[in-house]
Amino acid sequence: MPVRTIRGPWASSRLGSRPMRTLDYLEWLRWPCGFCCAGCGHAGGWRLGDGRFKCTGCGARTSVTADTIFDRSRTPLTVWFNACWLFATGKDGISALSLKRNLEIGSYQTAWAMLHRLRSVLVRPGRERLAGMVEVDETYLGGAEPGLPGGRAKGKKVLTGIAVEIREPKGFGRCR
């Protein structure tokens, strides 16, 4: 199988397209003070030959990617890091088809699944719901394009919804 070169911002960075460097970088991000077991909380262990870590406290084995968006993914970390970069820096967002083309990913389904995982970490699971009196409204955002008929079809308008807490006597609270 020929070695694929990754095109993108991470390919020219200090990490390069070497999987071990990206794995070491992810290890440093996850455990800046060294390995810490998620099961027992023991701060100590050693790296096994297969790249996983073994806790000296409970003997549990874990990998750097366990319980992250990279967990159980066959996509190389270098491709994931490029996808994260494109996802975070895209002015208008990025589609799965665009991600597939930019990173030369084999299938649309893989690119879609990667974007789905990236978007899932943006939502805080335990966030509080809006409380009290809440006003909800919708609007279309976007500019008009010349030559198109008026109304909602004019231009590339996007339907946007917003919900705002109303605080008495007057004022606004949190919004979503």
N, C-alpha and C. Protein backbone atom coordinates (compact mmCIF):
# COMPACT_ATOMS: atom_id res chain seq x y z
N MET A 1 0.85 -1.18 0.00
CA MET A 1 0.00 0.00 0.00
C MET A 1 0.89 1.24 0.00
N PRO A 2 0.71 2.14 -0.95
CA PRO A 2 1.55 3.33 -1.02
C PRO A 2 1.26 4.28 0.13
N VAL A 3 2.28 5.02 0.54
CA VAL A 3 2.13 5.99 1.61
C VAL A 3 1.49 7.25 1.03
N ARG A 4 0.42 7.71 1.67
CA ARG A 4 -0.27 8.92 1.23
C ARG A 4 0.31 10.12 1.93
N THR A 5 0.50 11.19 1.21
CA THR A 5 0.91 12.43 1.85
C THR A 5 -0.32 13.26 2.13
N ILE A 6 -0.34 13.90 3.26
CA ILE A 6 -1.48 14.70 3.68
C ILE A 6 -1.25 16.13 3.24
N ARG A 7 -2.22 16.69 2.54
CA ARG A 7 -2.17 18.10 2.19
C ARG A 7 -2.94 18.87 3.24
N GLY A 8 -2.42 19.98 3.68
CA GLY A 8 -3.14 20.79 4.64
C GLY A 8 -2.20 21.51 5.57
N PRO A 9 -2.76 22.29 6.49
CA PRO A 9 -1.94 23.13 7.36
C PRO A 9 -1.05 22.34 8.30
N TRP A 10 -1.48 21.15 8.73
CA TRP A 10 -0.66 20.39 9.67
C TRP A 10 0.52 19.73 8.98
N ALA A 11 0.46 19.51 7.68
CA ALA A 11 1.54 18.85 6.96
C ALA A 11 2.81 19.69 6.98
N SER A 12 2.68 21.01 7.02
CA SER A 12 3.86 21.87 7.00
C SER A 12 4.23 22.36 8.39
N SER A 13 3.52 21.94 9.41
CA SER A 13 3.81 22.41 10.77
C SER A 13 4.91 21.59 11.40
N ARG A 14 5.22 21.90 12.64
CA ARG A 14 6.25 21.17 13.37
C ARG A 14 5.86 19.71 13.57
N LEU A 15 4.55 19.44 13.67
CA LEU A 15 4.12 18.06 13.85
C LEU A 15 4.30 17.24 12.59
N GLY A 16 4.24 17.91 11.46
CA GLY A 16 4.38 17.20 10.20
C GLY A 16 3.26 16.21 10.00
N SER A 17 3.51 15.23 9.18
CA SER A 17 2.50 14.21 8.93
C SER A 17 2.92 12.89 9.55
N ARG A 18 3.71 12.95 10.62
CA ARG A 18 4.16 11.74 11.29
C ARG A 18 3.18 11.37 12.39
N PRO A 19 2.64 10.15 12.33
CA PRO A 19 1.64 9.74 13.33
C PRO A 19 2.15 9.78 14.77
N MET A 20 3.42 9.43 15.01
CA MET A 20 3.92 9.42 16.40
C MET A 20 3.98 10.82 16.98
N ARG A 21 4.33 11.79 16.18
CA ARG A 21 4.36 13.17 16.70
C ARG A 21 2.97 13.65 17.06
N THR A 22 1.98 13.32 16.25
CA THR A 22 0.61 13.73 16.57
C THR A 22 0.12 13.00 17.81
N LEU A 23 0.50 11.74 17.98
CA LEU A 23 0.12 10.98 19.16
C LEU A 23 0.77 11.57 20.41
N ASP A 24 2.05 11.94 20.31
CA ASP A 24 2.74 12.57 21.44
C ASP A 24 2.11 13.91 21.79
N TYR A 25 1.73 14.67 20.77
CA TYR A 25 1.09 15.96 21.00
C TYR A 25 -0.26 15.77 21.71
N LEU A 26 -1.03 14.79 21.27
CA LEU A 26 -2.32 14.51 21.90
C LEU A 26 -2.12 14.05 23.34
N GLU A 27 -1.07 13.26 23.57
CA GLU A 27 -0.75 12.82 24.94
C GLU A 27 -0.42 14.02 25.82
N TRP A 28 0.34 14.96 25.30
CA TRP A 28 0.69 16.16 26.06
C TRP A 28 -0.55 17.01 26.35
N LEU A 29 -1.47 17.10 25.39
CA LEU A 29 -2.71 17.85 25.62
C LEU A 29 -3.58 17.20 26.67
N ARG A 30 -3.66 15.87 26.63
CA ARG A 30 -4.55 15.15 27.55
C ARG A 30 -3.98 15.05 28.95
N TRP A 31 -2.69 14.76 29.04
CA TRP A 31 -2.04 14.59 30.33
C TRP A 31 -0.79 15.47 30.39
N PRO A 32 -0.94 16.78 30.63
CA PRO A 32 0.23 17.68 30.62
C PRO A 32 1.26 17.36 31.71
N CYS A 33 0.81 16.76 32.81
CA CYS A 33 1.73 16.41 33.90
C CYS A 33 2.05 14.92 33.91
N GLY A 34 1.81 14.22 32.83
CA GLY A 34 2.06 12.79 32.77
C GLY A 34 0.76 12.00 32.85
N PHE A 35 0.87 10.71 32.56
CA PHE A 35 -0.30 9.83 32.51
C PHE A 35 -1.04 9.81 33.84
N CYS A 36 -2.38 9.87 33.77
CA CYS A 36 -3.25 9.77 34.93
C CYS A 36 -4.40 8.84 34.55
N CYS A 37 -4.61 7.78 35.33
CA CYS A 37 -5.63 6.78 35.03
C CYS A 37 -7.03 7.38 35.21
N ALA A 38 -7.87 7.17 34.21
CA ALA A 38 -9.25 7.67 34.29
C ALA A 38 -10.09 6.82 35.22
N GLY A 39 -9.71 5.56 35.41
CA GLY A 39 -10.48 4.65 36.26
C GLY A 39 -10.28 4.90 37.75
N CYS A 40 -9.01 4.92 38.18
CA CYS A 40 -8.74 5.04 39.62
C CYS A 40 -8.14 6.39 40.01
N GLY A 41 -7.72 7.18 39.03
CA GLY A 41 -7.15 8.49 39.32
C GLY A 41 -5.68 8.45 39.69
N HIS A 42 -5.06 7.28 39.63
CA HIS A 42 -3.64 7.13 39.98
C HIS A 42 -2.77 7.82 38.93
N ALA A 43 -1.84 8.62 39.38
CA ALA A 43 -0.96 9.36 38.47
C ALA A 43 0.34 8.60 38.29
N GLY A 44 0.30 7.58 37.50
CA GLY A 44 1.51 6.82 37.23
C GLY A 44 1.20 5.62 36.36
N GLY A 45 2.12 5.31 35.50
CA GLY A 45 1.95 4.17 34.63
C GLY A 45 3.07 4.14 33.62
N TRP A 46 3.00 3.17 32.72
CA TRP A 46 4.02 3.09 31.70
C TRP A 46 3.40 2.75 30.36
N ARG A 47 4.13 3.10 29.32
CA ARG A 47 3.66 2.87 27.96
C ARG A 47 4.00 1.44 27.56
N LEU A 48 3.02 0.75 27.02
CA LEU A 48 3.21 -0.61 26.54
C LEU A 48 3.70 -0.59 25.10
N GLY A 49 4.08 -1.74 24.61
CA GLY A 49 4.61 -1.85 23.25
C GLY A 49 3.61 -1.49 22.18
N ASP A 50 2.31 -1.66 22.46
CA ASP A 50 1.29 -1.34 21.45
C ASP A 50 0.85 0.12 21.50
N GLY A 51 1.51 0.95 22.33
CA GLY A 51 1.19 2.37 22.40
C GLY A 51 0.21 2.74 23.49
N ARG A 52 -0.42 1.74 24.11
CA ARG A 52 -1.35 2.03 25.20
C ARG A 52 -0.57 2.23 26.50
N PHE A 53 -1.28 2.70 27.52
CA PHE A 53 -0.69 2.91 28.84
C PHE A 53 -1.29 1.92 29.82
N LYS A 54 -0.47 1.49 30.78
CA LYS A 54 -0.95 0.60 31.84
C LYS A 54 -0.77 1.32 33.17
N CYS A 55 -1.87 1.39 33.93
CA CYS A 55 -1.86 2.07 35.22
C CYS A 55 -1.13 1.21 36.24
N THR A 56 -0.27 1.84 37.05
CA THR A 56 0.43 1.10 38.11
C THR A 56 -0.47 0.87 39.31
N GLY A 57 -1.56 1.62 39.41
CA GLY A 57 -2.47 1.46 40.53
C GLY A 57 -3.44 0.31 40.35
N CYS A 58 -4.19 0.32 39.27
CA CYS A 58 -5.23 -0.69 39.07
C CYS A 58 -4.93 -1.67 37.94
N GLY A 59 -3.91 -1.40 37.15
CA GLY A 59 -3.55 -2.29 36.06
C GLY A 59 -4.38 -2.11 34.80
N ALA A 60 -5.25 -1.12 34.77
CA ALA A 60 -6.09 -0.88 33.59
C ALA A 60 -5.24 -0.39 32.43
N ARG A 61 -5.65 -0.77 31.24
CA ARG A 61 -4.95 -0.33 30.03
C ARG A 61 -5.84 0.66 29.28
N THR A 62 -5.22 1.71 28.80
CA THR A 62 -5.97 2.73 28.06
C THR A 62 -5.06 3.35 27.00
N SER A 63 -5.67 3.95 26.01
CA SER A 63 -4.90 4.63 24.98
C SER A 63 -5.12 6.14 25.11
N VAL A 64 -4.29 6.88 24.43
CA VAL A 64 -4.40 8.33 24.45
C VAL A 64 -5.71 8.78 23.83
N THR A 65 -6.19 8.04 22.85
CA THR A 65 -7.41 8.44 22.15
C THR A 65 -8.69 7.94 22.82
N ALA A 66 -8.57 7.14 23.87
CA ALA A 66 -9.77 6.61 24.54
C ALA A 66 -10.61 7.74 25.12
N ASP A 67 -11.93 7.64 24.97
CA ASP A 67 -12.89 8.63 25.47
C ASP A 67 -12.69 10.01 24.84
N THR A 68 -12.21 10.06 23.63
CA THR A 68 -12.11 11.30 22.88
C THR A 68 -12.86 11.11 21.56
N ILE A 69 -12.91 12.15 20.75
CA ILE A 69 -13.56 12.00 19.44
C ILE A 69 -12.74 11.12 18.51
N PHE A 70 -11.48 10.87 18.86
CA PHE A 70 -10.62 10.03 18.02
C PHE A 70 -10.74 8.55 18.38
N ASP A 71 -11.49 8.23 19.41
CA ASP A 71 -11.62 6.86 19.91
C ASP A 71 -12.24 5.95 18.85
N ARG A 72 -11.65 4.79 18.65
CA ARG A 72 -12.12 3.74 17.73
C ARG A 72 -12.27 4.25 16.29
N SER A 73 -11.41 5.15 15.91
CA SER A 73 -11.41 5.66 14.54
C SER A 73 -10.21 5.07 13.80
N ARG A 74 -10.45 4.61 12.59
CA ARG A 74 -9.35 4.08 11.78
C ARG A 74 -8.67 5.18 10.98
N THR A 75 -9.21 6.37 11.03
CA THR A 75 -8.62 7.51 10.33
C THR A 75 -7.38 7.97 11.09
N PRO A 76 -6.25 8.18 10.40
CA PRO A 76 -5.03 8.61 11.08
C PRO A 76 -5.21 9.95 11.80
N LEU A 77 -4.47 10.12 12.89
CA LEU A 77 -4.56 11.36 13.66
C LEU A 77 -4.14 12.58 12.85
N THR A 78 -3.22 12.40 11.92
CA THR A 78 -2.81 13.53 11.09
C THR A 78 -3.99 14.05 10.27
N VAL A 79 -4.83 13.15 9.78
CA VAL A 79 -6.02 13.55 9.03
C VAL A 79 -7.01 14.22 9.97
N TRP A 80 -7.16 13.68 11.18
CA TRP A 80 -8.05 14.27 12.18
C TRP A 80 -7.61 15.69 12.52
N PHE A 81 -6.31 15.90 12.71
CA PHE A 81 -5.81 17.23 13.08
C PHE A 81 -6.05 18.22 11.94
N ASN A 82 -5.86 17.77 10.70
CA ASN A 82 -6.18 18.63 9.56
C ASN A 82 -7.66 18.95 9.52
N ALA A 83 -8.50 17.97 9.80
CA ALA A 83 -9.95 18.19 9.81
C ALA A 83 -10.33 19.19 10.91
N CYS A 84 -9.71 19.06 12.08
CA CYS A 84 -9.97 20.02 13.17
C CYS A 84 -9.58 21.43 12.75
N TRP A 85 -8.45 21.56 12.09
CA TRP A 85 -7.99 22.87 11.64
C TRP A 85 -8.97 23.48 10.64
N LEU A 86 -9.37 22.69 9.65
CA LEU A 86 -10.30 23.19 8.64
C LEU A 86 -11.66 23.52 9.25
N PHE A 87 -12.10 22.70 10.19
CA PHE A 87 -13.38 22.90 10.87
C PHE A 87 -13.36 24.19 11.69
N ALA A 88 -12.25 24.44 12.39
CA ALA A 88 -12.17 25.60 13.28
C ALA A 88 -11.91 26.91 12.54
N THR A 89 -11.24 26.85 11.42
CA THR A 89 -10.86 28.09 10.74
C THR A 89 -11.74 28.43 9.54
N GLY A 90 -12.66 27.56 9.20
CA GLY A 90 -13.54 27.84 8.07
C GLY A 90 -14.49 28.98 8.38
N LYS A 91 -14.48 30.00 7.56
CA LYS A 91 -15.31 31.18 7.81
C LYS A 91 -16.79 30.85 7.76
N ASP A 92 -17.19 30.07 6.77
CA ASP A 92 -18.59 29.72 6.60
C ASP A 92 -18.87 28.27 6.97
N GLY A 93 -17.99 27.66 7.75
CA GLY A 93 -18.16 26.25 8.06
C GLY A 93 -17.59 25.40 6.94
N ILE A 94 -17.73 24.10 7.09
CA ILE A 94 -17.20 23.19 6.08
C ILE A 94 -18.18 22.04 5.90
N SER A 95 -18.35 21.63 4.69
CA SER A 95 -19.24 20.51 4.40
C SER A 95 -18.43 19.23 4.36
N ALA A 96 -19.12 18.11 4.45
CA ALA A 96 -18.45 16.82 4.40
C ALA A 96 -17.79 16.61 3.04
N LEU A 97 -18.44 17.06 1.99
CA LEU A 97 -17.87 16.92 0.65
C LEU A 97 -16.60 17.75 0.50
N SER A 98 -16.61 18.95 1.05
CA SER A 98 -15.43 19.81 1.01
C SER A 98 -14.30 19.20 1.83
N LEU A 99 -14.61 18.66 3.00
CA LEU A 99 -13.61 18.01 3.84
C LEU A 99 -13.02 16.80 3.12
N LYS A 100 -13.87 16.03 2.49
CA LYS A 100 -13.42 14.85 1.73
C LYS A 100 -12.45 15.25 0.63
N ARG A 101 -12.76 16.30 -0.08
CA ARG A 101 -11.90 16.74 -1.18
C ARG A 101 -10.60 17.35 -0.68
N ASN A 102 -10.68 18.20 0.35
CA ASN A 102 -9.47 18.87 0.86
C ASN A 102 -8.47 17.91 1.46
N LEU A 103 -8.95 16.91 2.18
CA LEU A 103 -8.06 15.98 2.88
C LEU A 103 -7.87 14.66 2.13
N GLU A 104 -8.49 14.56 0.96
CA GLU A 104 -8.39 13.34 0.15
C GLU A 104 -8.81 12.11 0.94
N ILE A 105 -9.93 12.24 1.63
CA ILE A 105 -10.50 11.13 2.40
C ILE A 105 -11.21 10.22 1.42
N GLY A 106 -11.15 8.92 1.65
CA GLY A 106 -11.70 7.95 0.71
C GLY A 106 -13.19 8.03 0.47
N SER A 107 -13.98 8.25 1.51
CA SER A 107 -15.42 8.21 1.31
C SER A 107 -16.11 9.41 1.96
N TYR A 108 -17.25 9.74 1.41
CA TYR A 108 -18.07 10.82 1.95
C TYR A 108 -18.54 10.46 3.36
N GLN A 109 -18.87 9.20 3.59
CA GLN A 109 -19.37 8.76 4.90
C GLN A 109 -18.33 9.00 6.00
N THR A 110 -17.06 8.76 5.70
CA THR A 110 -16.00 9.01 6.68
C THR A 110 -15.91 10.49 7.01
N ALA A 111 -15.94 11.33 5.99
CA ALA A 111 -15.87 12.78 6.21
C ALA A 111 -17.08 13.26 7.00
N TRP A 112 -18.26 12.73 6.68
CA TRP A 112 -19.48 13.11 7.40
C TRP A 112 -19.39 12.69 8.86
N ALA A 113 -18.91 11.48 9.12
CA ALA A 113 -18.79 10.99 10.50
C ALA A 113 -17.78 11.82 11.29
N MET A 114 -16.70 12.23 10.64
CA MET A 114 -15.71 13.07 11.32
C MET A 114 -16.32 14.42 11.70
N LEU A 115 -17.04 15.04 10.78
CA LEU A 115 -17.68 16.32 11.09
C LEU A 115 -18.73 16.16 12.18
N HIS A 116 -19.45 15.05 12.16
CA HIS A 116 -20.46 14.78 13.19
C HIS A 116 -19.81 14.71 14.57
N ARG A 117 -18.67 14.03 14.66
CA ARG A 117 -17.95 13.95 15.94
C ARG A 117 -17.43 15.32 16.36
N LEU A 118 -16.89 16.07 15.42
CA LEU A 118 -16.37 17.41 15.75
C LEU A 118 -17.48 18.33 16.24
N ARG A 119 -18.64 18.27 15.60
CA ARG A 119 -19.76 19.12 16.03
C ARG A 119 -20.31 18.68 17.38
N SER A 120 -20.22 17.39 17.69
CA SER A 120 -20.78 16.89 18.95
C SER A 120 -20.02 17.42 20.17
N VAL A 121 -18.74 17.72 20.02
CA VAL A 121 -17.99 18.23 21.17
C VAL A 121 -18.24 19.71 21.42
N LEU A 122 -18.93 20.37 20.50
CA LEU A 122 -19.25 21.79 20.71
C LEU A 122 -20.44 21.98 21.63
N VAL A 123 -21.21 20.93 21.87
CA VAL A 123 -22.41 21.01 22.70
C VAL A 123 -22.06 20.55 24.10
N ARG A 124 -22.37 21.36 25.09
CA ARG A 124 -22.14 21.00 26.48
C ARG A 124 -23.31 20.13 26.94
N PRO A 125 -23.07 18.84 27.25
CA PRO A 125 -24.19 17.94 27.53
C PRO A 125 -25.01 18.30 28.77
N GLY A 126 -24.41 18.84 29.80
CA GLY A 126 -25.13 19.14 31.03
C GLY A 126 -25.62 20.57 31.13
N ARG A 127 -25.75 21.25 30.01
CA ARG A 127 -26.13 22.66 30.06
C ARG A 127 -27.57 22.82 30.57
N GLU A 128 -27.80 23.91 31.26
CA GLU A 128 -29.13 24.17 31.81
C GLU A 128 -30.06 24.66 30.71
N ARG A 129 -31.31 24.29 30.84
CA ARG A 129 -32.32 24.78 29.90
C ARG A 129 -32.70 26.21 30.28
N LEU A 130 -33.22 26.92 29.31
CA LEU A 130 -33.72 28.26 29.59
C LEU A 130 -34.92 28.14 30.52
N ALA A 131 -35.05 29.08 31.46
CA ALA A 131 -36.11 28.98 32.47
C ALA A 131 -36.97 30.24 32.45
N GLY A 132 -38.13 30.14 33.09
CA GLY A 132 -39.04 31.28 33.18
C GLY A 132 -39.73 31.53 31.85
N MET A 133 -40.00 32.81 31.59
CA MET A 133 -40.64 33.17 30.33
C MET A 133 -39.56 33.24 29.24
N VAL A 134 -39.81 32.54 28.15
CA VAL A 134 -38.85 32.47 27.05
C VAL A 134 -39.55 32.92 25.77
N GLU A 135 -38.93 33.83 25.05
CA GLU A 135 -39.46 34.25 23.75
C GLU A 135 -38.62 33.61 22.66
N VAL A 136 -39.32 33.09 21.65
CA VAL A 136 -38.65 32.42 20.53
C VAL A 136 -39.04 33.13 19.25
N ASP A 137 -38.07 33.33 18.37
CA ASP A 137 -38.35 33.98 17.10
C ASP A 137 -37.43 33.39 16.04
N GLU A 138 -37.79 33.62 14.81
CA GLU A 138 -36.99 33.16 13.69
C GLU A 138 -36.81 34.29 12.70
N THR A 139 -35.73 34.22 11.95
CA THR A 139 -35.49 35.21 10.91
C THR A 139 -34.62 34.59 9.84
N TYR A 140 -34.60 35.21 8.70
CA TYR A 140 -33.72 34.79 7.62
C TYR A 140 -32.54 35.73 7.57
N LEU A 141 -31.33 35.18 7.60
CA LEU A 141 -30.11 35.97 7.52
C LEU A 141 -29.45 35.70 6.19
N GLY A 142 -28.88 36.73 5.61
CA GLY A 142 -28.18 36.57 4.34
C GLY A 142 -28.44 37.75 3.44
N GLY A 143 -27.56 37.92 2.50
CA GLY A 143 -27.67 39.05 1.61
C GLY A 143 -28.51 38.77 0.38
N ALA A 144 -28.93 39.84 -0.23
CA ALA A 144 -29.72 39.73 -1.46
C ALA A 144 -28.79 39.58 -2.65
N GLU A 145 -29.20 38.75 -3.59
CA GLU A 145 -28.44 38.60 -4.83
C GLU A 145 -29.23 39.24 -5.95
N PRO A 146 -28.58 40.05 -6.77
CA PRO A 146 -29.31 40.71 -7.86
C PRO A 146 -29.83 39.70 -8.88
N GLY A 147 -31.02 39.99 -9.39
CA GLY A 147 -31.59 39.15 -10.42
C GLY A 147 -32.51 38.05 -9.93
N LEU A 148 -32.59 37.84 -8.62
CA LEU A 148 -33.48 36.81 -8.08
C LEU A 148 -34.78 37.45 -7.61
N PRO A 149 -35.89 36.72 -7.72
CA PRO A 149 -37.15 37.29 -7.25
C PRO A 149 -37.11 37.52 -5.74
N GLY A 150 -37.94 38.44 -5.26
CA GLY A 150 -37.93 38.82 -3.85
C GLY A 150 -38.45 37.75 -2.92
N GLY A 151 -38.59 38.12 -1.68
CA GLY A 151 -39.12 37.19 -0.68
C GLY A 151 -38.03 36.30 -0.10
N ARG A 152 -38.46 35.17 0.45
CA ARG A 152 -37.54 34.28 1.13
C ARG A 152 -36.57 33.60 0.17
N ALA A 153 -36.91 33.50 -1.09
CA ALA A 153 -36.05 32.81 -2.05
C ALA A 153 -34.92 33.69 -2.55
N LYS A 154 -34.92 34.95 -2.20
CA LYS A 154 -33.93 35.87 -2.73
C LYS A 154 -32.58 35.67 -2.05
N GLY A 155 -31.59 35.25 -2.80
CA GLY A 155 -30.25 35.07 -2.27
C GLY A 155 -30.09 33.79 -1.48
N LYS A 156 -28.96 33.69 -0.83
CA LYS A 156 -28.66 32.51 -0.03
C LYS A 156 -28.98 32.81 1.43
N LYS A 157 -30.23 32.88 1.73
CA LYS A 157 -30.65 33.21 3.09
C LYS A 157 -30.76 31.93 3.92
N VAL A 158 -30.42 32.06 5.19
CA VAL A 158 -30.44 30.93 6.10
C VAL A 158 -31.46 31.20 7.20
N LEU A 159 -32.33 30.24 7.45
CA LEU A 159 -33.30 30.37 8.53
C LEU A 159 -32.57 30.20 9.86
N THR A 160 -32.73 31.17 10.75
CA THR A 160 -32.06 31.15 12.04
C THR A 160 -33.10 31.33 13.13
N GLY A 161 -33.04 30.49 14.15
CA GLY A 161 -33.95 30.60 15.28
C GLY A 161 -33.19 31.02 16.53
N ILE A 162 -33.86 31.73 17.42
CA ILE A 162 -33.24 32.17 18.67
C ILE A 162 -34.27 32.14 19.78
N ALA A 163 -33.83 31.77 20.97
CA ALA A 163 -34.68 31.76 22.15
C ALA A 163 -34.00 32.58 23.24
N VAL A 164 -34.75 33.49 23.89
CA VAL A 164 -34.19 34.39 24.89
C VAL A 164 -35.04 34.35 26.15
N GLU A 165 -34.37 34.28 27.32
CA GLU A 165 -35.08 34.38 28.60
C GLU A 165 -35.48 35.84 28.81
N ILE A 166 -36.69 36.05 29.29
CA ILE A 166 -37.17 37.40 29.60
C ILE A 166 -37.15 37.56 31.11
N ARG A 167 -36.46 38.60 31.57
CA ARG A 167 -36.38 38.86 33.00
C ARG A 167 -37.22 40.08 33.33
N GLU A 168 -37.96 40.00 34.40
CA GLU A 168 -38.81 41.12 34.83
C GLU A 168 -38.02 42.02 35.76
N PRO A 169 -38.26 43.31 35.85
CA PRO A 169 -39.28 44.07 35.17
C PRO A 169 -38.97 44.24 33.69
N LYS A 170 -37.71 44.43 33.32
CA LYS A 170 -37.39 44.40 31.90
C LYS A 170 -35.93 44.02 31.76
N GLY A 171 -35.66 43.33 30.72
CA GLY A 171 -34.29 42.88 30.48
C GLY A 171 -34.27 41.48 29.89
N PHE A 172 -33.09 41.07 29.50
CA PHE A 172 -32.93 39.77 28.87
C PHE A 172 -31.97 38.92 29.68
N GLY A 173 -32.18 37.62 29.60
CA GLY A 173 -31.29 36.66 30.26
C GLY A 173 -30.43 35.96 29.22
N ARG A 174 -30.30 34.68 29.42
CA ARG A 174 -29.49 33.88 28.50
C ARG A 174 -30.23 33.65 27.19
N CYS A 175 -29.49 33.34 26.15
CA CYS A 175 -30.13 33.05 24.86
C CYS A 175 -29.47 31.84 24.22
N ARG A 176 -30.23 31.21 23.35
CA ARG A 176 -29.73 30.05 22.59
C ARG A 176 -30.12 30.22 21.14
